Amino acid sequence: MSDTYVLVATDRVGIDVTVQDSLGNPLTNVEVTLYKEDGSTVATIKTNSEGKASFSPQPYGKYSVKQITDLTNFSEPAAEQIELSSTTTGFKKVTLINNFKQMLPSTGSATRLWVVIIASLMIISSAAVLVVRVK
């Protein structure tokens, strides 16, 4: 008497998300949300100490993964569009990269910064000329 086993194809795929900065450092305690194609929320989870979060297996279809935690010194990454299908093996891997924001001086504009730098250089060079003439 032999046993018969039936291999059942699963129609679900898990999603592994990594959140990091542009240097590859993990970002911890960052909330990430998984959305269905219609925009409805599937789940929201936080990254661990390695910057990783995993969503449980989801039915085949189109989804988006979006970071919802606003990080002060980083620009927000775009939502990552993904598709889960029978060709996806194991877990779908998604990486959200946060780029460092360009920090401007308190004046609020790069133009003002250059004006201040040029004016300072002019004052310093004028002072140097006066010192030379006095001697």
N, C-alpha and C. Protein backbone atom coordinates (compact mmCIF):
# COMPACT_ATOMS: atom_id res chain seq x y z
N MET A 1 0.84 -1.18 0.00
CA MET A 1 0.00 0.00 0.00
C MET A 1 0.90 1.25 0.00
N SER A 2 0.71 2.10 -0.96
CA SER A 2 1.53 3.30 -1.05
C SER A 2 0.72 4.52 -0.66
N ASP A 3 1.46 5.53 -0.17
CA ASP A 3 0.81 6.79 0.19
C ASP A 3 0.86 7.73 -1.00
N THR A 4 -0.14 8.53 -1.11
CA THR A 4 -0.19 9.52 -2.17
C THR A 4 -0.08 10.90 -1.54
N TYR A 5 0.86 11.69 -2.04
CA TYR A 5 1.04 13.05 -1.56
C TYR A 5 0.70 14.00 -2.69
N VAL A 6 0.00 15.05 -2.32
CA VAL A 6 -0.36 16.05 -3.31
C VAL A 6 0.37 17.34 -2.97
N LEU A 7 1.12 17.83 -3.92
CA LEU A 7 1.82 19.09 -3.74
C LEU A 7 0.86 20.22 -4.10
N VAL A 8 0.58 21.05 -3.11
CA VAL A 8 -0.36 22.15 -3.32
C VAL A 8 0.43 23.44 -3.48
N ALA A 9 0.23 24.10 -4.59
CA ALA A 9 0.90 25.38 -4.82
C ALA A 9 0.28 26.44 -3.92
N THR A 10 1.12 27.20 -3.29
CA THR A 10 0.62 28.27 -2.44
C THR A 10 0.43 29.52 -3.29
N ASP A 11 -0.57 30.28 -2.98
CA ASP A 11 -0.81 31.51 -3.74
C ASP A 11 -0.54 32.73 -2.86
N ARG A 12 0.43 32.57 -1.97
CA ARG A 12 0.81 33.65 -1.07
C ARG A 12 2.32 33.77 -1.01
N VAL A 13 2.78 35.01 -0.83
CA VAL A 13 4.21 35.27 -0.74
C VAL A 13 4.45 36.28 0.38
N GLY A 14 5.47 36.02 1.22
CA GLY A 14 5.83 36.96 2.28
C GLY A 14 6.67 38.10 1.72
N ILE A 15 6.78 39.16 2.49
CA ILE A 15 7.52 40.34 2.05
C ILE A 15 8.49 40.75 3.14
N ASP A 16 9.80 40.77 2.81
CA ASP A 16 10.84 41.23 3.71
C ASP A 16 11.26 42.63 3.31
N VAL A 17 11.21 43.56 4.27
CA VAL A 17 11.55 44.96 4.01
C VAL A 17 12.80 45.33 4.81
N THR A 18 13.73 46.02 4.17
CA THR A 18 14.90 46.56 4.85
C THR A 18 14.86 48.07 4.67
N VAL A 19 15.00 48.80 5.78
CA VAL A 19 15.05 50.27 5.73
C VAL A 19 16.45 50.68 6.16
N GLN A 20 17.10 51.48 5.30
CA GLN A 20 18.48 51.88 5.58
C GLN A 20 18.74 53.28 5.07
N ASP A 21 19.88 53.84 5.52
CA ASP A 21 20.30 55.13 4.96
C ASP A 21 21.10 54.88 3.70
N SER A 22 21.51 55.95 3.04
CA SER A 22 22.21 55.81 1.76
C SER A 22 23.60 55.21 1.90
N LEU A 23 24.10 55.08 3.13
CA LEU A 23 25.39 54.44 3.38
C LEU A 23 25.24 52.96 3.71
N GLY A 24 23.99 52.48 3.78
CA GLY A 24 23.74 51.07 4.08
C GLY A 24 23.53 50.77 5.55
N ASN A 25 23.48 51.80 6.40
CA ASN A 25 23.25 51.59 7.82
C ASN A 25 21.77 51.34 8.08
N PRO A 26 21.43 50.35 8.91
CA PRO A 26 20.02 50.06 9.19
C PRO A 26 19.37 51.17 9.99
N LEU A 27 18.10 51.42 9.71
CA LEU A 27 17.32 52.41 10.46
C LEU A 27 16.28 51.65 11.28
N THR A 28 16.37 51.79 12.59
CA THR A 28 15.52 51.03 13.50
C THR A 28 14.26 51.80 13.90
N ASN A 29 13.27 51.03 14.32
CA ASN A 29 12.02 51.57 14.85
C ASN A 29 11.29 52.48 13.84
N VAL A 30 11.40 52.13 12.57
CA VAL A 30 10.76 52.89 11.49
C VAL A 30 9.49 52.15 11.08
N GLU A 31 8.36 52.85 11.05
CA GLU A 31 7.10 52.23 10.65
C GLU A 31 7.00 52.14 9.13
N VAL A 32 6.61 50.95 8.67
CA VAL A 32 6.46 50.67 7.24
C VAL A 32 5.05 50.09 7.05
N THR A 33 4.36 50.56 6.02
CA THR A 33 3.00 50.10 5.75
C THR A 33 2.94 49.39 4.40
N LEU A 34 2.19 48.31 4.37
CA LEU A 34 1.93 47.57 3.14
C LEU A 34 0.52 47.92 2.68
N TYR A 35 0.40 48.33 1.40
CA TYR A 35 -0.89 48.71 0.82
C TYR A 35 -1.23 47.78 -0.33
N LYS A 36 -2.52 47.49 -0.47
CA LYS A 36 -3.00 46.76 -1.65
C LYS A 36 -3.01 47.72 -2.83
N GLU A 37 -3.21 47.17 -4.02
CA GLU A 37 -3.24 47.98 -5.24
C GLU A 37 -4.33 49.05 -5.18
N ASP A 38 -5.45 48.77 -4.50
CA ASP A 38 -6.55 49.73 -4.41
C ASP A 38 -6.30 50.82 -3.37
N GLY A 39 -5.14 50.76 -2.68
CA GLY A 39 -4.79 51.78 -1.70
C GLY A 39 -5.17 51.43 -0.27
N SER A 40 -5.88 50.33 -0.07
CA SER A 40 -6.25 49.96 1.29
C SER A 40 -5.04 49.39 2.04
N THR A 41 -5.01 49.65 3.33
CA THR A 41 -3.89 49.22 4.17
C THR A 41 -4.00 47.75 4.54
N VAL A 42 -2.91 47.02 4.36
CA VAL A 42 -2.85 45.62 4.78
C VAL A 42 -2.34 45.54 6.20
N ALA A 43 -1.20 46.16 6.47
CA ALA A 43 -0.60 46.13 7.81
C ALA A 43 0.48 47.20 7.92
N THR A 44 0.77 47.58 9.17
CA THR A 44 1.87 48.48 9.48
C THR A 44 2.73 47.82 10.53
N ILE A 45 4.05 47.80 10.30
CA ILE A 45 4.98 47.20 11.25
C ILE A 45 6.21 48.10 11.40
N LYS A 46 6.99 47.86 12.48
CA LYS A 46 8.21 48.62 12.72
C LYS A 46 9.43 47.76 12.46
N THR A 47 10.49 48.43 12.01
CA THR A 47 11.75 47.72 11.76
C THR A 47 12.43 47.38 13.09
N ASN A 48 13.22 46.31 13.06
CA ASN A 48 13.96 45.89 14.25
C ASN A 48 15.33 46.56 14.28
N SER A 49 16.21 46.08 15.15
CA SER A 49 17.54 46.69 15.30
C SER A 49 18.41 46.54 14.06
N GLU A 50 18.04 45.63 13.16
CA GLU A 50 18.77 45.44 11.91
C GLU A 50 18.12 46.19 10.75
N GLY A 51 17.08 47.00 11.04
CA GLY A 51 16.38 47.75 10.00
C GLY A 51 15.46 46.88 9.17
N LYS A 52 15.07 45.71 9.70
CA LYS A 52 14.26 44.76 8.92
C LYS A 52 12.87 44.61 9.51
N ALA A 53 11.93 44.34 8.62
CA ALA A 53 10.55 44.06 8.99
C ALA A 53 10.00 43.06 7.98
N SER A 54 9.13 42.17 8.44
CA SER A 54 8.57 41.16 7.54
C SER A 54 7.04 41.16 7.62
N PHE A 55 6.44 41.18 6.45
CA PHE A 55 4.99 41.05 6.37
C PHE A 55 4.65 39.59 6.11
N SER A 56 3.58 39.14 6.73
CA SER A 56 3.16 37.75 6.55
C SER A 56 2.79 37.51 5.08
N PRO A 57 2.80 36.25 4.65
CA PRO A 57 2.47 35.95 3.25
C PRO A 57 1.13 36.56 2.82
N GLN A 58 1.15 37.16 1.64
CA GLN A 58 -0.02 37.83 1.08
C GLN A 58 -0.42 37.15 -0.23
N PRO A 59 -1.71 37.25 -0.57
CA PRO A 59 -2.16 36.68 -1.85
C PRO A 59 -1.46 37.35 -3.03
N TYR A 60 -1.36 36.63 -4.12
CA TYR A 60 -0.76 37.20 -5.33
C TYR A 60 -1.48 38.50 -5.68
N GLY A 61 -0.73 39.43 -6.21
CA GLY A 61 -1.31 40.70 -6.62
C GLY A 61 -0.29 41.80 -6.55
N LYS A 62 -0.75 43.04 -6.78
CA LYS A 62 0.12 44.21 -6.75
C LYS A 62 -0.05 44.94 -5.41
N TYR A 63 1.10 45.37 -4.88
CA TYR A 63 1.13 46.04 -3.59
C TYR A 63 2.12 47.20 -3.66
N SER A 64 2.10 48.02 -2.62
CA SER A 64 3.16 49.02 -2.45
C SER A 64 3.58 49.00 -0.98
N VAL A 65 4.86 49.25 -0.78
CA VAL A 65 5.43 49.31 0.57
C VAL A 65 5.92 50.74 0.75
N LYS A 66 5.49 51.37 1.86
CA LYS A 66 5.84 52.78 2.07
C LYS A 66 6.28 53.00 3.51
N GLN A 67 7.35 53.74 3.66
CA GLN A 67 7.80 54.15 4.98
C GLN A 67 6.90 55.29 5.43
N ILE A 68 6.35 55.19 6.65
CA ILE A 68 5.47 56.26 7.11
C ILE A 68 6.07 57.08 8.24
N THR A 69 7.18 56.62 8.80
CA THR A 69 7.88 57.40 9.82
C THR A 69 8.71 58.47 9.13
N ASP A 70 8.51 59.72 9.55
CA ASP A 70 9.28 60.84 8.99
C ASP A 70 10.57 60.97 9.80
N LEU A 71 11.69 60.77 9.17
CA LEU A 71 12.98 60.87 9.84
C LEU A 71 13.58 62.25 9.60
N THR A 72 13.94 62.94 10.66
CA THR A 72 14.35 64.34 10.62
C THR A 72 15.45 64.65 9.62
N ASN A 73 16.52 63.89 9.61
CA ASN A 73 17.68 64.24 8.77
C ASN A 73 17.68 63.54 7.42
N PHE A 74 16.57 62.92 7.06
CA PHE A 74 16.52 62.16 5.82
C PHE A 74 15.35 62.59 4.96
N SER A 75 15.53 62.46 3.65
CA SER A 75 14.40 62.67 2.75
C SER A 75 13.62 61.36 2.71
N GLU A 76 12.34 61.46 2.55
CA GLU A 76 11.48 60.27 2.57
C GLU A 76 11.64 59.47 1.28
N PRO A 77 11.84 58.16 1.41
CA PRO A 77 11.95 57.35 0.19
C PRO A 77 10.59 57.20 -0.48
N ALA A 78 10.61 57.00 -1.78
CA ALA A 78 9.37 56.78 -2.52
C ALA A 78 8.80 55.42 -2.15
N ALA A 79 7.52 55.25 -2.32
CA ALA A 79 6.90 53.95 -2.08
C ALA A 79 7.42 52.97 -3.13
N GLU A 80 7.67 51.77 -2.71
CA GLU A 80 8.17 50.73 -3.60
C GLU A 80 6.99 49.90 -4.09
N GLN A 81 6.80 49.84 -5.41
CA GLN A 81 5.73 49.06 -6.01
C GLN A 81 6.23 47.63 -6.21
N ILE A 82 5.44 46.64 -5.80
CA ILE A 82 5.85 45.25 -5.97
C ILE A 82 4.68 44.43 -6.50
N GLU A 83 5.03 43.30 -7.10
CA GLU A 83 4.00 42.37 -7.56
C GLU A 83 4.36 40.98 -7.06
N LEU A 84 3.40 40.34 -6.43
CA LEU A 84 3.58 38.98 -5.94
C LEU A 84 2.89 38.04 -6.92
N SER A 85 3.62 37.03 -7.38
CA SER A 85 3.05 36.10 -8.35
C SER A 85 3.65 34.71 -8.13
N SER A 86 3.24 33.77 -8.92
CA SER A 86 3.74 32.40 -8.80
C SER A 86 5.22 32.31 -9.12
N THR A 87 5.77 33.33 -9.78
CA THR A 87 7.20 33.30 -10.10
C THR A 87 8.05 33.84 -8.94
N THR A 88 7.40 34.42 -7.92
CA THR A 88 8.12 34.92 -6.76
C THR A 88 8.40 33.74 -5.84
N THR A 89 9.67 33.49 -5.56
CA THR A 89 10.01 32.37 -4.69
C THR A 89 10.45 32.89 -3.32
N GLY A 90 10.08 32.17 -2.28
CA GLY A 90 10.44 32.57 -0.93
C GLY A 90 9.76 33.87 -0.55
N PHE A 91 10.54 34.80 -0.07
CA PHE A 91 10.02 36.10 0.32
C PHE A 91 10.45 37.15 -0.70
N LYS A 92 9.56 38.08 -1.00
CA LYS A 92 9.89 39.22 -1.87
C LYS A 92 10.72 40.19 -1.04
N LYS A 93 11.87 40.58 -1.55
CA LYS A 93 12.78 41.49 -0.83
C LYS A 93 12.58 42.92 -1.33
N VAL A 94 12.42 43.85 -0.38
CA VAL A 94 12.23 45.27 -0.69
C VAL A 94 13.19 46.07 0.18
N THR A 95 13.91 47.02 -0.42
CA THR A 95 14.80 47.90 0.34
C THR A 95 14.36 49.34 0.15
N LEU A 96 14.12 50.03 1.26
CA LEU A 96 13.78 51.44 1.23
C LEU A 96 15.00 52.22 1.70
N ILE A 97 15.53 53.07 0.83
CA ILE A 97 16.76 53.82 1.13
C ILE A 97 16.41 55.28 1.43
N ASN A 98 16.86 55.73 2.59
CA ASN A 98 16.67 57.12 3.00
C ASN A 98 17.94 57.90 2.72
N ASN A 99 17.84 58.94 1.90
CA ASN A 99 18.98 59.80 1.59
C ASN A 99 19.06 60.92 2.61
N PHE A 100 20.28 61.31 2.96
CA PHE A 100 20.47 62.41 3.89
C PHE A 100 19.98 63.70 3.25
N LYS A 101 19.29 64.54 4.04
CA LYS A 101 18.85 65.83 3.53
C LYS A 101 20.05 66.76 3.45
N GLN A 102 20.04 67.64 2.44
CA GLN A 102 21.06 68.66 2.35
C GLN A 102 20.74 69.70 3.40
N MET A 103 21.69 69.97 4.27
CA MET A 103 21.44 70.90 5.36
C MET A 103 21.90 72.30 4.95
N LEU A 104 20.99 73.26 5.02
CA LEU A 104 21.31 74.65 4.71
C LEU A 104 21.54 75.41 6.01
N PRO A 105 22.29 76.48 5.96
CA PRO A 105 22.49 77.28 7.18
C PRO A 105 21.17 77.91 7.62
N SER A 106 21.16 78.45 8.82
CA SER A 106 19.95 79.03 9.38
C SER A 106 19.41 80.20 8.57
N THR A 107 20.22 80.74 7.66
CA THR A 107 19.74 81.84 6.81
C THR A 107 18.63 81.36 5.88
N GLY A 108 18.63 80.07 5.58
CA GLY A 108 17.54 79.51 4.79
C GLY A 108 17.81 79.40 3.31
N SER A 109 18.94 79.91 2.83
CA SER A 109 19.19 79.75 1.40
C SER A 109 20.67 79.66 1.12
N ALA A 110 21.00 78.92 0.10
CA ALA A 110 22.40 78.77 -0.30
C ALA A 110 22.95 80.09 -0.85
N THR A 111 22.10 80.89 -1.49
CA THR A 111 22.54 82.17 -2.05
C THR A 111 23.03 83.09 -0.93
N ARG A 112 22.28 83.16 0.15
CA ARG A 112 22.70 84.00 1.27
C ARG A 112 24.02 83.52 1.86
N LEU A 113 24.18 82.21 1.92
CA LEU A 113 25.42 81.65 2.44
C LEU A 113 26.61 82.12 1.61
N TRP A 114 26.48 82.06 0.29
CA TRP A 114 27.58 82.49 -0.58
C TRP A 114 27.84 83.99 -0.43
N VAL A 115 26.81 84.77 -0.26
CA VAL A 115 26.99 86.22 -0.07
C VAL A 115 27.76 86.47 1.22
N VAL A 116 27.41 85.76 2.28
CA VAL A 116 28.11 85.92 3.56
C VAL A 116 29.57 85.50 3.43
N ILE A 117 29.83 84.39 2.75
CA ILE A 117 31.20 83.91 2.58
C ILE A 117 32.03 84.91 1.78
N ILE A 118 31.49 85.42 0.68
CA ILE A 118 32.22 86.37 -0.16
C ILE A 118 32.46 87.68 0.60
N ALA A 119 31.44 88.14 1.31
CA ALA A 119 31.60 89.38 2.09
C ALA A 119 32.66 89.20 3.18
N SER A 120 32.68 88.05 3.82
CA SER A 120 33.68 87.78 4.85
C SER A 120 35.08 87.76 4.26
N LEU A 121 35.23 87.14 3.10
CA LEU A 121 36.54 87.11 2.44
C LEU A 121 37.00 88.51 2.04
N MET A 122 36.06 89.34 1.61
CA MET A 122 36.42 90.71 1.23
C MET A 122 36.87 91.50 2.45
N ILE A 123 36.21 91.32 3.57
CA ILE A 123 36.58 92.03 4.80
C ILE A 123 37.96 91.57 5.27
N ILE A 124 38.19 90.26 5.22
CA ILE A 124 39.48 89.72 5.66
C ILE A 124 40.60 90.22 4.76
N SER A 125 40.37 90.20 3.45
CA SER A 125 41.42 90.67 2.53
C SER A 125 41.66 92.17 2.69
N SER A 126 40.63 92.95 2.94
CA SER A 126 40.79 94.40 3.17
C SER A 126 41.59 94.65 4.44
N ALA A 127 41.32 93.88 5.47
CA ALA A 127 42.06 94.02 6.73
C ALA A 127 43.52 93.67 6.53
N ALA A 128 43.80 92.66 5.72
CA ALA A 128 45.18 92.26 5.45
C ALA A 128 45.91 93.38 4.70
N VAL A 129 45.26 94.07 3.78
CA VAL A 129 45.87 95.16 3.03
C VAL A 129 46.18 96.31 3.98
N LEU A 130 45.27 96.62 4.92
CA LEU A 130 45.51 97.70 5.88
C LEU A 130 46.69 97.37 6.77
N VAL A 131 46.81 96.15 7.19
CA VAL A 131 47.91 95.75 8.06
C VAL A 131 49.24 95.91 7.31
N VAL A 132 49.28 95.54 6.06
CA VAL A 132 50.49 95.66 5.26
C VAL A 132 50.87 97.13 5.09
N ARG A 133 49.93 98.03 4.87
CA ARG A 133 50.21 99.45 4.64
C ARG A 133 50.69 100.13 5.92
N VAL A 134 50.22 99.70 7.08
CA VAL A 134 50.61 100.32 8.34
C VAL A 134 52.07 100.08 8.62
N LYS A 135 52.59 98.94 8.30
CA LYS A 135 53.99 98.62 8.56
C LYS A 135 54.82 99.43 7.64
